[in-house]
Amino acid sequence: MRIGFPAMAVALLFFVSAANAADKTVHDHDNGFSLTFPEEWTNEPPSGETMRLKVKSGDQGLTCRVSVGRYDPQASGSPADPKAFMETEWSGEAWQEMVGAAFDSAVFSSDKLIRFPDGYPARMADMDFRIDDGNAGFPGHAKVVLSIRGMHFGLVTCGLTGDTVEQTKQKWAPLADEAERVAGSFILDGP
């Protein structure tokens, strides 16, 4: 029994490292973030003023976007100590104000505190959202991670849309773990 366990442990480590070997990490030094995603995903041109990276899972429909920008702690309503805010003062209202405002509607759930490898805090949640584009509206679901560090913020959304809420749920179910893994790999560099 003792001989079998070490061999099994070595085999498990081999398979885990082989799975991670198929990942690609982009570290954007200019904008101060990194994200790790499956190597076969395609990199697409980002859009908007703050989006810096956009990667897609191919025909599965999962898209991850990284946005970074300047954070002004002196602005009205901004927390003076972003680290303490992320760790202890965070609320559902904060998600709505900081992320949800960009969507026609957004509802956040499963909020949790996560940490970058150096221990700095970030928040992760699930987001059900709706995007209306003129004549049509599309429901969607995403895993989101947000952090404020120094004089900049970082946000990653890994999500998808569907024609109906039910279709969105069906598309999301097999991709939920991968979306959480990719979103959770996000790191916002220190000042």
N, C-alpha and C. Protein backbone atom coordinates (compact mmCIF):
# COMPACT_ATOMS: atom_id res chain seq x y z
N MET A 1 0.82 -1.19 0.00
CA MET A 1 0.00 0.00 0.00
C MET A 1 0.87 1.26 0.00
N ARG A 2 1.95 1.24 0.76
CA ARG A 2 2.82 2.41 0.83
C ARG A 2 3.52 2.69 -0.49
N ILE A 3 3.89 1.66 -1.21
CA ILE A 3 4.57 1.84 -2.48
C ILE A 3 3.61 2.41 -3.52
N GLY A 4 2.38 1.97 -3.50
CA GLY A 4 1.39 2.44 -4.46
C GLY A 4 1.05 3.91 -4.30
N PHE A 5 0.99 4.39 -3.06
CA PHE A 5 0.62 5.79 -2.83
C PHE A 5 1.64 6.76 -3.42
N PRO A 6 2.97 6.58 -3.17
CA PRO A 6 3.94 7.51 -3.77
C PRO A 6 3.88 7.49 -5.30
N ALA A 7 3.72 6.30 -5.88
CA ALA A 7 3.64 6.22 -7.34
C ALA A 7 2.41 6.95 -7.85
N MET A 8 1.30 6.80 -7.14
CA MET A 8 0.08 7.48 -7.53
C MET A 8 0.24 9.00 -7.38
N ALA A 9 0.89 9.43 -6.32
CA ALA A 9 1.11 10.86 -6.10
C ALA A 9 1.98 11.45 -7.20
N VAL A 10 3.04 10.73 -7.60
CA VAL A 10 3.91 11.20 -8.68
C VAL A 10 3.12 11.28 -9.98
N ALA A 11 2.30 10.29 -10.27
CA ALA A 11 1.49 10.30 -11.48
C ALA A 11 0.52 11.48 -11.48
N LEU A 12 -0.10 11.74 -10.34
CA LEU A 12 -1.03 12.86 -10.23
C LEU A 12 -0.30 14.18 -10.47
N LEU A 13 0.87 14.36 -9.87
CA LEU A 13 1.65 15.58 -10.08
C LEU A 13 2.03 15.73 -11.55
N PHE A 14 2.36 14.63 -12.21
CA PHE A 14 2.70 14.67 -13.62
C PHE A 14 1.53 15.18 -14.44
N PHE A 15 0.33 14.63 -14.19
CA PHE A 15 -0.84 15.05 -14.95
C PHE A 15 -1.22 16.49 -14.66
N VAL A 16 -1.10 16.93 -13.42
CA VAL A 16 -1.40 18.32 -13.08
C VAL A 16 -0.43 19.25 -13.77
N SER A 17 0.87 18.92 -13.74
CA SER A 17 1.85 19.79 -14.38
C SER A 17 1.69 19.76 -15.89
N ALA A 18 1.31 18.62 -16.47
CA ALA A 18 1.07 18.55 -17.90
C ALA A 18 -0.12 19.41 -18.29
N ALA A 19 -1.16 19.41 -17.47
CA ALA A 19 -2.33 20.25 -17.75
C ALA A 19 -1.95 21.72 -17.68
N ASN A 20 -1.16 22.09 -16.68
CA ASN A 20 -0.76 23.49 -16.54
C ASN A 20 0.25 23.89 -17.61
N ALA A 21 1.00 22.91 -18.16
CA ALA A 21 1.96 23.22 -19.21
C ALA A 21 1.24 23.72 -20.46
N ALA A 22 -0.02 23.38 -20.64
CA ALA A 22 -0.79 23.82 -21.80
C ALA A 22 -1.37 25.22 -21.60
N ASP A 23 -1.02 25.87 -20.51
CA ASP A 23 -1.49 27.23 -20.25
C ASP A 23 -0.47 28.25 -20.73
N LYS A 24 -0.96 29.43 -21.00
CA LYS A 24 -0.13 30.55 -21.43
C LYS A 24 -0.37 31.70 -20.46
N THR A 25 0.69 32.35 -20.02
CA THR A 25 0.56 33.51 -19.15
C THR A 25 0.99 34.75 -19.91
N VAL A 26 0.13 35.75 -19.92
CA VAL A 26 0.46 37.05 -20.48
C VAL A 26 0.73 37.98 -19.31
N HIS A 27 1.93 38.56 -19.27
CA HIS A 27 2.26 39.55 -18.25
C HIS A 27 2.48 40.87 -18.96
N ASP A 28 1.53 41.76 -18.81
CA ASP A 28 1.59 43.08 -19.43
C ASP A 28 2.29 44.02 -18.45
N HIS A 29 3.58 44.22 -18.65
CA HIS A 29 4.37 45.06 -17.74
C HIS A 29 3.94 46.52 -17.83
N ASP A 30 3.56 46.97 -19.02
CA ASP A 30 3.17 48.37 -19.20
C ASP A 30 1.91 48.72 -18.42
N ASN A 31 0.97 47.79 -18.35
CA ASN A 31 -0.30 48.05 -17.67
C ASN A 31 -0.40 47.37 -16.32
N GLY A 32 0.60 46.58 -15.95
CA GLY A 32 0.70 46.04 -14.59
C GLY A 32 -0.24 44.92 -14.23
N PHE A 33 -0.37 43.91 -15.09
CA PHE A 33 -1.22 42.77 -14.74
C PHE A 33 -0.72 41.52 -15.45
N SER A 34 -1.20 40.38 -14.99
CA SER A 34 -0.97 39.13 -15.71
C SER A 34 -2.24 38.28 -15.64
N LEU A 35 -2.38 37.41 -16.63
CA LEU A 35 -3.51 36.49 -16.71
C LEU A 35 -3.02 35.20 -17.36
N THR A 36 -3.44 34.08 -16.82
CA THR A 36 -3.07 32.77 -17.36
C THR A 36 -4.32 32.11 -17.93
N PHE A 37 -4.20 31.58 -19.15
CA PHE A 37 -5.35 30.97 -19.82
C PHE A 37 -4.85 29.82 -20.70
N PRO A 38 -5.75 28.93 -21.14
CA PRO A 38 -5.34 27.81 -21.98
C PRO A 38 -4.65 28.29 -23.26
N GLU A 39 -3.59 27.60 -23.62
CA GLU A 39 -2.77 27.98 -24.76
C GLU A 39 -3.56 28.05 -26.07
N GLU A 40 -4.59 27.21 -26.22
CA GLU A 40 -5.34 27.17 -27.48
C GLU A 40 -6.34 28.32 -27.63
N TRP A 41 -6.53 29.11 -26.59
CA TRP A 41 -7.43 30.25 -26.70
C TRP A 41 -6.84 31.28 -27.65
N THR A 42 -7.72 32.05 -28.29
CA THR A 42 -7.25 33.07 -29.23
C THR A 42 -7.24 34.44 -28.58
N ASN A 43 -6.23 35.20 -28.93
CA ASN A 43 -6.07 36.56 -28.44
C ASN A 43 -6.71 37.48 -29.46
N GLU A 44 -7.63 38.34 -29.02
CA GLU A 44 -8.32 39.25 -29.93
C GLU A 44 -8.00 40.69 -29.55
N PRO A 45 -8.14 41.61 -30.49
CA PRO A 45 -7.86 43.01 -30.16
C PRO A 45 -8.85 43.52 -29.11
N PRO A 46 -8.34 44.16 -28.06
CA PRO A 46 -9.24 44.72 -27.05
C PRO A 46 -9.95 45.96 -27.58
N SER A 47 -11.07 46.31 -26.95
CA SER A 47 -11.80 47.51 -27.34
C SER A 47 -12.05 48.37 -26.11
N GLY A 48 -12.31 49.63 -26.32
CA GLY A 48 -12.58 50.53 -25.20
C GLY A 48 -11.30 51.14 -24.65
N GLU A 49 -11.48 52.09 -23.76
CA GLU A 49 -10.34 52.83 -23.22
C GLU A 49 -9.53 52.08 -22.19
N THR A 50 -10.17 51.20 -21.41
CA THR A 50 -9.45 50.54 -20.33
C THR A 50 -9.18 49.06 -20.58
N MET A 51 -9.81 48.45 -21.61
CA MET A 51 -9.58 47.03 -21.87
C MET A 51 -8.19 46.84 -22.45
N ARG A 52 -7.43 45.92 -21.85
CA ARG A 52 -6.05 45.69 -22.26
C ARG A 52 -5.81 44.31 -22.85
N LEU A 53 -6.69 43.35 -22.57
CA LEU A 53 -6.52 41.99 -23.07
C LEU A 53 -7.89 41.37 -23.26
N LYS A 54 -8.04 40.65 -24.37
CA LYS A 54 -9.28 39.92 -24.64
C LYS A 54 -8.90 38.57 -25.24
N VAL A 55 -9.31 37.49 -24.57
CA VAL A 55 -9.02 36.14 -25.05
C VAL A 55 -10.32 35.34 -25.10
N LYS A 56 -10.40 34.45 -26.11
CA LYS A 56 -11.62 33.65 -26.30
C LYS A 56 -11.29 32.17 -26.33
N SER A 57 -12.24 31.39 -25.83
CA SER A 57 -12.06 29.94 -25.76
C SER A 57 -12.38 29.23 -27.07
N GLY A 58 -12.60 29.96 -28.11
CA GLY A 58 -12.95 29.34 -29.38
C GLY A 58 -14.44 29.20 -29.52
N ASP A 59 -14.89 28.05 -30.02
CA ASP A 59 -16.31 27.86 -30.28
C ASP A 59 -17.14 27.64 -29.03
N GLN A 60 -16.50 27.55 -27.85
CA GLN A 60 -17.25 27.40 -26.60
C GLN A 60 -17.95 28.69 -26.19
N GLY A 61 -17.45 29.82 -26.67
CA GLY A 61 -18.10 31.09 -26.40
C GLY A 61 -17.66 31.83 -25.15
N LEU A 62 -16.71 31.29 -24.40
CA LEU A 62 -16.24 31.96 -23.20
C LEU A 62 -15.21 33.01 -23.59
N THR A 63 -15.41 34.24 -23.13
CA THR A 63 -14.49 35.34 -23.42
C THR A 63 -14.04 35.95 -22.10
N CYS A 64 -12.73 36.17 -21.98
CA CYS A 64 -12.18 36.83 -20.79
C CYS A 64 -11.57 38.16 -21.22
N ARG A 65 -11.94 39.20 -20.49
CA ARG A 65 -11.45 40.55 -20.77
C ARG A 65 -10.78 41.10 -19.52
N VAL A 66 -9.63 41.74 -19.71
CA VAL A 66 -8.94 42.40 -18.61
C VAL A 66 -8.97 43.89 -18.87
N SER A 67 -9.46 44.63 -17.89
CA SER A 67 -9.46 46.09 -17.95
C SER A 67 -8.63 46.61 -16.79
N VAL A 68 -7.81 47.60 -17.07
CA VAL A 68 -7.05 48.27 -16.01
C VAL A 68 -7.13 49.76 -16.27
N GLY A 69 -7.00 50.52 -15.21
CA GLY A 69 -7.05 51.96 -15.35
C GLY A 69 -6.56 52.65 -14.09
N ARG A 70 -6.54 53.96 -14.15
CA ARG A 70 -6.09 54.77 -13.02
C ARG A 70 -7.16 54.80 -11.94
N TYR A 71 -6.71 54.76 -10.71
CA TYR A 71 -7.59 54.87 -9.56
C TYR A 71 -7.22 56.13 -8.81
N ASP A 72 -8.21 56.96 -8.52
CA ASP A 72 -7.97 58.21 -7.81
C ASP A 72 -8.55 58.11 -6.40
N PRO A 73 -7.70 57.90 -5.40
CA PRO A 73 -8.20 57.79 -4.03
C PRO A 73 -8.78 59.10 -3.50
N GLN A 74 -8.50 60.21 -4.19
CA GLN A 74 -9.01 61.51 -3.76
C GLN A 74 -10.41 61.81 -4.32
N ALA A 75 -10.85 61.01 -5.28
CA ALA A 75 -12.16 61.24 -5.89
C ALA A 75 -13.27 61.01 -4.86
N SER A 76 -14.36 61.71 -5.05
CA SER A 76 -15.49 61.59 -4.14
C SER A 76 -15.99 60.15 -4.07
N GLY A 77 -16.14 59.63 -2.86
CA GLY A 77 -16.64 58.28 -2.65
C GLY A 77 -15.59 57.19 -2.74
N SER A 78 -14.36 57.54 -3.10
CA SER A 78 -13.30 56.53 -3.20
C SER A 78 -12.77 56.19 -1.81
N PRO A 79 -12.55 54.91 -1.54
CA PRO A 79 -11.99 54.54 -0.23
C PRO A 79 -10.55 55.03 -0.11
N ALA A 80 -10.22 55.59 1.03
CA ALA A 80 -8.86 56.10 1.27
C ALA A 80 -7.85 54.96 1.34
N ASP A 81 -8.27 53.82 1.88
CA ASP A 81 -7.39 52.65 2.00
C ASP A 81 -8.01 51.50 1.20
N PRO A 82 -7.65 51.38 -0.09
CA PRO A 82 -8.26 50.35 -0.93
C PRO A 82 -8.06 48.93 -0.40
N LYS A 83 -6.91 48.66 0.20
CA LYS A 83 -6.65 47.31 0.71
C LYS A 83 -7.65 46.95 1.81
N ALA A 84 -7.83 47.84 2.77
CA ALA A 84 -8.79 47.60 3.85
C ALA A 84 -10.21 47.51 3.29
N PHE A 85 -10.51 48.34 2.31
CA PHE A 85 -11.83 48.31 1.68
C PHE A 85 -12.10 46.94 1.06
N MET A 86 -11.13 46.42 0.31
CA MET A 86 -11.29 45.12 -0.33
C MET A 86 -11.43 44.00 0.70
N GLU A 87 -10.70 44.11 1.81
CA GLU A 87 -10.69 43.05 2.82
C GLU A 87 -11.90 43.07 3.75
N THR A 88 -12.30 44.25 4.22
CA THR A 88 -13.30 44.29 5.29
C THR A 88 -14.53 45.14 5.03
N GLU A 89 -14.45 46.08 4.12
CA GLU A 89 -15.56 47.02 3.93
C GLU A 89 -16.36 46.76 2.66
N TRP A 90 -16.00 45.74 1.92
CA TRP A 90 -16.64 45.44 0.63
C TRP A 90 -18.10 45.05 0.84
N SER A 91 -18.94 45.40 -0.13
CA SER A 91 -20.36 45.05 -0.06
C SER A 91 -20.90 44.77 -1.46
N GLY A 92 -22.11 44.25 -1.51
CA GLY A 92 -22.76 44.04 -2.79
C GLY A 92 -22.97 45.35 -3.54
N GLU A 93 -23.18 46.41 -2.79
CA GLU A 93 -23.34 47.73 -3.42
C GLU A 93 -22.06 48.15 -4.14
N ALA A 94 -20.91 47.76 -3.60
CA ALA A 94 -19.64 48.10 -4.25
C ALA A 94 -19.54 47.42 -5.62
N TRP A 95 -19.97 46.15 -5.71
CA TRP A 95 -19.98 45.48 -7.00
C TRP A 95 -20.85 46.25 -7.99
N GLN A 96 -22.04 46.63 -7.52
CA GLN A 96 -22.98 47.32 -8.39
C GLN A 96 -22.41 48.65 -8.89
N GLU A 97 -21.82 49.42 -7.98
CA GLU A 97 -21.29 50.73 -8.35
C GLU A 97 -20.06 50.62 -9.24
N MET A 98 -19.16 49.68 -8.94
CA MET A 98 -17.88 49.63 -9.65
C MET A 98 -17.92 48.81 -10.93
N VAL A 99 -18.79 47.81 -11.01
CA VAL A 99 -18.82 46.93 -12.18
C VAL A 99 -20.20 46.93 -12.83
N GLY A 100 -21.25 46.77 -12.05
CA GLY A 100 -22.60 46.62 -12.58
C GLY A 100 -23.09 47.80 -13.39
N ALA A 101 -22.59 48.99 -13.09
CA ALA A 101 -23.03 50.19 -13.79
C ALA A 101 -22.75 50.13 -15.29
N ALA A 102 -21.81 49.30 -15.72
CA ALA A 102 -21.45 49.20 -17.13
C ALA A 102 -22.44 48.34 -17.93
N PHE A 103 -23.38 47.69 -17.25
CA PHE A 103 -24.33 46.80 -17.90
C PHE A 103 -25.74 47.36 -17.77
N ASP A 104 -26.65 46.91 -18.65
CA ASP A 104 -28.04 47.33 -18.55
C ASP A 104 -28.65 46.83 -17.25
N SER A 105 -28.25 45.64 -16.82
CA SER A 105 -28.60 45.15 -15.49
C SER A 105 -27.53 44.14 -15.09
N ALA A 106 -27.28 44.06 -13.79
CA ALA A 106 -26.28 43.12 -13.27
C ALA A 106 -26.64 42.74 -11.85
N VAL A 107 -26.55 41.45 -11.56
CA VAL A 107 -26.81 40.92 -10.23
C VAL A 107 -25.60 40.07 -9.85
N PHE A 108 -25.05 40.33 -8.66
CA PHE A 108 -23.84 39.65 -8.21
C PHE A 108 -24.16 38.65 -7.11
N SER A 109 -23.45 37.52 -7.13
CA SER A 109 -23.62 36.49 -6.11
C SER A 109 -22.27 35.81 -5.86
N SER A 110 -22.22 35.00 -4.81
CA SER A 110 -21.03 34.21 -4.48
C SER A 110 -19.78 35.07 -4.31
N ASP A 111 -19.94 36.26 -3.75
CA ASP A 111 -18.80 37.14 -3.51
C ASP A 111 -17.85 36.50 -2.51
N LYS A 112 -16.55 36.59 -2.80
CA LYS A 112 -15.56 36.10 -1.84
C LYS A 112 -14.26 36.88 -1.98
N LEU A 113 -13.55 36.93 -0.88
CA LEU A 113 -12.23 37.54 -0.84
C LEU A 113 -11.22 36.51 -1.33
N ILE A 114 -10.38 36.90 -2.28
CA ILE A 114 -9.28 36.05 -2.72
C ILE A 114 -7.99 36.85 -2.56
N ARG A 115 -6.87 36.21 -2.73
CA ARG A 115 -5.59 36.90 -2.57
C ARG A 115 -4.65 36.58 -3.72
N PHE A 116 -3.90 37.59 -4.14
CA PHE A 116 -2.84 37.38 -5.11
C PHE A 116 -1.72 36.61 -4.41
N PRO A 117 -0.77 36.06 -5.17
CA PRO A 117 0.31 35.28 -4.53
C PRO A 117 1.08 36.03 -3.44
N ASP A 118 1.15 37.36 -3.53
CA ASP A 118 1.85 38.12 -2.49
C ASP A 118 0.94 38.49 -1.31
N GLY A 119 -0.29 37.99 -1.32
CA GLY A 119 -1.21 38.21 -0.20
C GLY A 119 -2.14 39.40 -0.36
N TYR A 120 -1.95 40.21 -1.41
CA TYR A 120 -2.81 41.39 -1.60
C TYR A 120 -4.23 40.94 -1.97
N PRO A 121 -5.26 41.63 -1.44
CA PRO A 121 -6.64 41.19 -1.65
C PRO A 121 -7.25 41.58 -3.00
N ALA A 122 -8.19 40.75 -3.41
CA ALA A 122 -9.04 41.02 -4.57
C ALA A 122 -10.41 40.41 -4.24
N ARG A 123 -11.42 40.78 -4.99
CA ARG A 123 -12.76 40.22 -4.80
C ARG A 123 -13.15 39.43 -6.04
N MET A 124 -13.84 38.30 -5.81
CA MET A 124 -14.34 37.46 -6.90
C MET A 124 -15.83 37.23 -6.69
N ALA A 125 -16.58 37.24 -7.79
CA ALA A 125 -18.03 36.99 -7.70
C ALA A 125 -18.54 36.45 -9.02
N ASP A 126 -19.75 35.93 -8.98
CA ASP A 126 -20.49 35.58 -10.19
C ASP A 126 -21.38 36.76 -10.53
N MET A 127 -21.58 37.00 -11.82
CA MET A 127 -22.42 38.11 -12.26
C MET A 127 -23.38 37.62 -13.34
N ASP A 128 -24.67 37.78 -13.08
CA ASP A 128 -25.69 37.60 -14.11
C ASP A 128 -25.97 38.99 -14.66
N PHE A 129 -25.90 39.14 -15.98
CA PHE A 129 -26.05 40.48 -16.56
C PHE A 129 -26.91 40.43 -17.80
N ARG A 130 -27.26 41.61 -18.26
CA ARG A 130 -28.02 41.76 -19.50
C ARG A 130 -27.42 42.92 -20.27
N ILE A 131 -27.24 42.68 -21.57
CA ILE A 131 -26.76 43.71 -22.48
C ILE A 131 -27.85 43.95 -23.50
N ASP A 132 -28.30 45.17 -23.62
CA ASP A 132 -29.28 45.53 -24.64
C ASP A 132 -28.57 46.28 -25.74
N ASP A 133 -28.78 45.82 -26.97
CA ASP A 133 -28.12 46.42 -28.12
C ASP A 133 -29.19 46.85 -29.13
N GLY A 134 -29.75 48.01 -28.89
CA GLY A 134 -30.78 48.49 -29.80
C GLY A 134 -32.04 47.67 -29.73
N ASN A 135 -32.26 46.82 -30.73
CA ASN A 135 -33.48 46.02 -30.82
C ASN A 135 -33.42 44.72 -30.04
N ALA A 136 -32.24 44.25 -29.72
CA ALA A 136 -32.11 42.93 -29.08
C ALA A 136 -31.44 43.06 -27.71
N GLY A 137 -31.77 42.11 -26.84
CA GLY A 137 -31.13 42.03 -25.53
C GLY A 137 -30.58 40.64 -25.33
N PHE A 138 -29.45 40.56 -24.65
CA PHE A 138 -28.80 39.28 -24.44
C PHE A 138 -28.48 39.08 -22.97
N PRO A 139 -28.94 37.96 -22.38
CA PRO A 139 -28.54 37.65 -21.01
C PRO A 139 -27.15 37.02 -21.02
N GLY A 140 -26.44 37.19 -19.92
CA GLY A 140 -25.11 36.60 -19.82
C GLY A 140 -24.76 36.25 -18.40
N HIS A 141 -23.66 35.53 -18.27
CA HIS A 141 -23.13 35.16 -16.95
C HIS A 141 -21.62 35.26 -17.02
N ALA A 142 -21.00 35.70 -15.92
CA ALA A 142 -19.54 35.84 -15.89
C ALA A 142 -19.01 35.62 -14.48
N LYS A 143 -17.76 35.22 -14.42
CA LYS A 143 -16.98 35.21 -13.19
C LYS A 143 -16.14 36.48 -13.26
N VAL A 144 -16.19 37.30 -12.21
CA VAL A 144 -15.47 38.57 -12.22
C VAL A 144 -14.51 38.66 -11.04
N VAL A 145 -13.37 39.30 -11.27
CA VAL A 145 -12.39 39.56 -10.22
C VAL A 145 -12.01 41.03 -10.33
N LEU A 146 -11.99 41.71 -9.18
CA LEU A 146 -11.66 43.13 -9.13
C LEU A 146 -10.68 43.39 -8.00
N SER A 147 -9.71 44.27 -8.27
CA SER A 147 -8.82 44.73 -7.21
C SER A 147 -8.43 46.18 -7.47
N ILE A 148 -8.14 46.88 -6.40
CA ILE A 148 -7.64 48.25 -6.46
C ILE A 148 -6.30 48.22 -5.74
N ARG A 149 -5.25 48.66 -6.42
CA ARG A 149 -3.91 48.56 -5.84
C ARG A 149 -3.11 49.79 -6.21
N GLY A 150 -2.66 50.50 -5.19
CA GLY A 150 -1.91 51.72 -5.47
C GLY A 150 -2.79 52.71 -6.20
N MET A 151 -2.32 53.16 -7.33
CA MET A 151 -3.04 54.16 -8.12
C MET A 151 -3.75 53.55 -9.33
N HIS A 152 -3.96 52.22 -9.31
CA HIS A 152 -4.69 51.62 -10.43
C HIS A 152 -5.62 50.51 -9.97
N PHE A 153 -6.60 50.23 -10.84
CA PHE A 153 -7.56 49.16 -10.57
C PHE A 153 -7.41 48.12 -11.68
N GLY A 154 -7.86 46.92 -11.40
CA GLY A 154 -7.87 45.87 -12.40
C GLY A 154 -9.15 45.06 -12.28
N LEU A 155 -9.72 44.71 -13.41
CA LEU A 155 -10.96 43.93 -13.47
C LEU A 155 -10.82 42.88 -14.56
N VAL A 156 -11.16 41.65 -14.25
CA VAL A 156 -11.25 40.61 -15.27
C VAL A 156 -12.66 40.05 -15.24
N THR A 157 -13.25 39.90 -16.42
CA THR A 157 -14.56 39.25 -16.55
C THR A 157 -14.38 38.08 -17.51
N CYS A 158 -14.75 36.90 -17.07
CA CYS A 158 -14.75 35.71 -17.93
C CYS A 158 -16.20 35.28 -18.05
N GLY A 159 -16.78 35.52 -19.22
CA GLY A 159 -18.20 35.26 -19.34
C GLY A 159 -18.65 34.93 -20.74
N LEU A 160 -19.96 34.78 -20.85
CA LEU A 160 -20.58 34.47 -22.13
C LEU A 160 -22.01 34.98 -22.13
N THR A 161 -22.60 35.04 -23.32
CA THR A 161 -24.00 35.43 -23.45
C THR A 161 -24.75 34.33 -24.18
N GLY A 162 -26.07 34.41 -24.11
CA GLY A 162 -26.94 33.47 -24.81
C GLY A 162 -28.16 34.20 -25.32
N ASP A 163 -29.00 33.49 -26.03
CA ASP A 163 -30.24 34.09 -26.53
C ASP A 163 -31.29 34.17 -25.43
N THR A 164 -31.23 33.22 -24.48
CA THR A 164 -32.17 33.18 -23.36
C THR A 164 -31.39 32.91 -22.08
N VAL A 165 -32.02 33.15 -20.96
CA VAL A 165 -31.39 32.86 -19.67
C VAL A 165 -31.10 31.37 -19.56
N GLU A 166 -32.04 30.54 -19.99
CA GLU A 166 -31.84 29.08 -19.92
C GLU A 166 -30.66 28.63 -20.78
N GLN A 167 -30.57 29.16 -22.00
CA GLN A 167 -29.45 28.80 -22.87
C GLN A 167 -28.12 29.25 -22.25
N THR A 168 -28.12 30.42 -21.64
CA THR A 168 -26.91 30.92 -20.99
C THR A 168 -26.47 29.98 -19.88
N LYS A 169 -27.42 29.53 -19.07
CA LYS A 169 -27.10 28.58 -17.99
C LYS A 169 -26.54 27.28 -18.55
N GLN A 170 -27.12 26.78 -19.63
CA GLN A 170 -26.65 25.53 -20.24
C GLN A 170 -25.24 25.69 -20.80
N LYS A 171 -24.96 26.83 -21.42
CA LYS A 171 -23.62 27.07 -21.97
C LYS A 171 -22.59 27.24 -20.85
N TRP A 172 -23.03 27.88 -19.74
CA TRP A 172 -22.11 28.19 -18.64
C TRP A 172 -21.69 26.94 -17.86
N ALA A 173 -22.61 26.03 -17.63
CA ALA A 173 -22.37 24.89 -16.74
C ALA A 173 -21.05 24.16 -17.02
N PRO A 174 -20.76 23.76 -18.26
CA PRO A 174 -19.50 23.03 -18.48
C PRO A 174 -18.26 23.92 -18.46
N LEU A 175 -18.43 25.24 -18.47
CA LEU A 175 -17.29 26.16 -18.52
C LEU A 175 -17.02 26.86 -17.20
N ALA A 176 -17.87 26.66 -16.21
CA ALA A 176 -17.77 27.40 -14.94
C ALA A 176 -16.42 27.22 -14.26
N ASP A 177 -15.93 25.99 -14.17
CA ASP A 177 -14.65 25.76 -13.49
C ASP A 177 -13.50 26.42 -14.23
N GLU A 178 -13.50 26.32 -15.56
CA GLU A 178 -12.43 26.94 -16.34
C GLU A 178 -12.49 28.46 -16.22
N ALA A 179 -13.69 29.03 -16.24
CA ALA A 179 -13.83 30.48 -16.09
C ALA A 179 -13.29 30.93 -14.74
N GLU A 180 -13.60 30.17 -13.68
CA GLU A 180 -13.09 30.54 -12.35
C GLU A 180 -11.57 30.40 -12.29
N ARG A 181 -11.03 29.38 -12.92
CA ARG A 181 -9.57 29.18 -12.91
C ARG A 181 -8.86 30.32 -13.63
N VAL A 182 -9.37 30.71 -14.80
CA VAL A 182 -8.74 31.80 -15.56
C VAL A 182 -8.92 33.12 -14.83
N ALA A 183 -10.13 33.43 -14.41
CA ALA A 183 -10.36 34.69 -13.68
C ALA A 183 -9.52 34.74 -12.41
N GLY A 184 -9.41 33.62 -11.72
CA GLY A 184 -8.64 33.56 -10.49
C GLY A 184 -7.14 33.64 -10.69
N SER A 185 -6.68 33.48 -11.93
CA SER A 185 -5.24 33.60 -12.22
C SER A 185 -4.81 35.06 -12.37
N PHE A 186 -5.77 35.96 -12.45
CA PHE A 186 -5.49 37.39 -12.63
C PHE A 186 -4.66 37.93 -11.47
N ILE A 187 -3.62 38.68 -11.80
CA ILE A 187 -2.79 39.35 -10.79
C ILE A 187 -2.60 40.79 -11.22
N LEU A 188 -2.91 41.70 -10.32
CA LEU A 188 -2.67 43.13 -10.52
C LEU A 188 -1.36 43.45 -9.83
N ASP A 189 -0.39 43.93 -10.60
CA ASP A 189 0.95 44.20 -10.05
C ASP A 189 0.91 45.29 -8.98
N GLY A 190 1.84 45.21 -8.06
CA GLY A 190 1.98 46.24 -7.03
C GLY A 190 2.60 47.50 -7.61
N PRO A 191 2.49 48.59 -6.86
CA PRO A 191 3.04 49.87 -7.34
C PRO A 191 4.55 49.84 -7.45
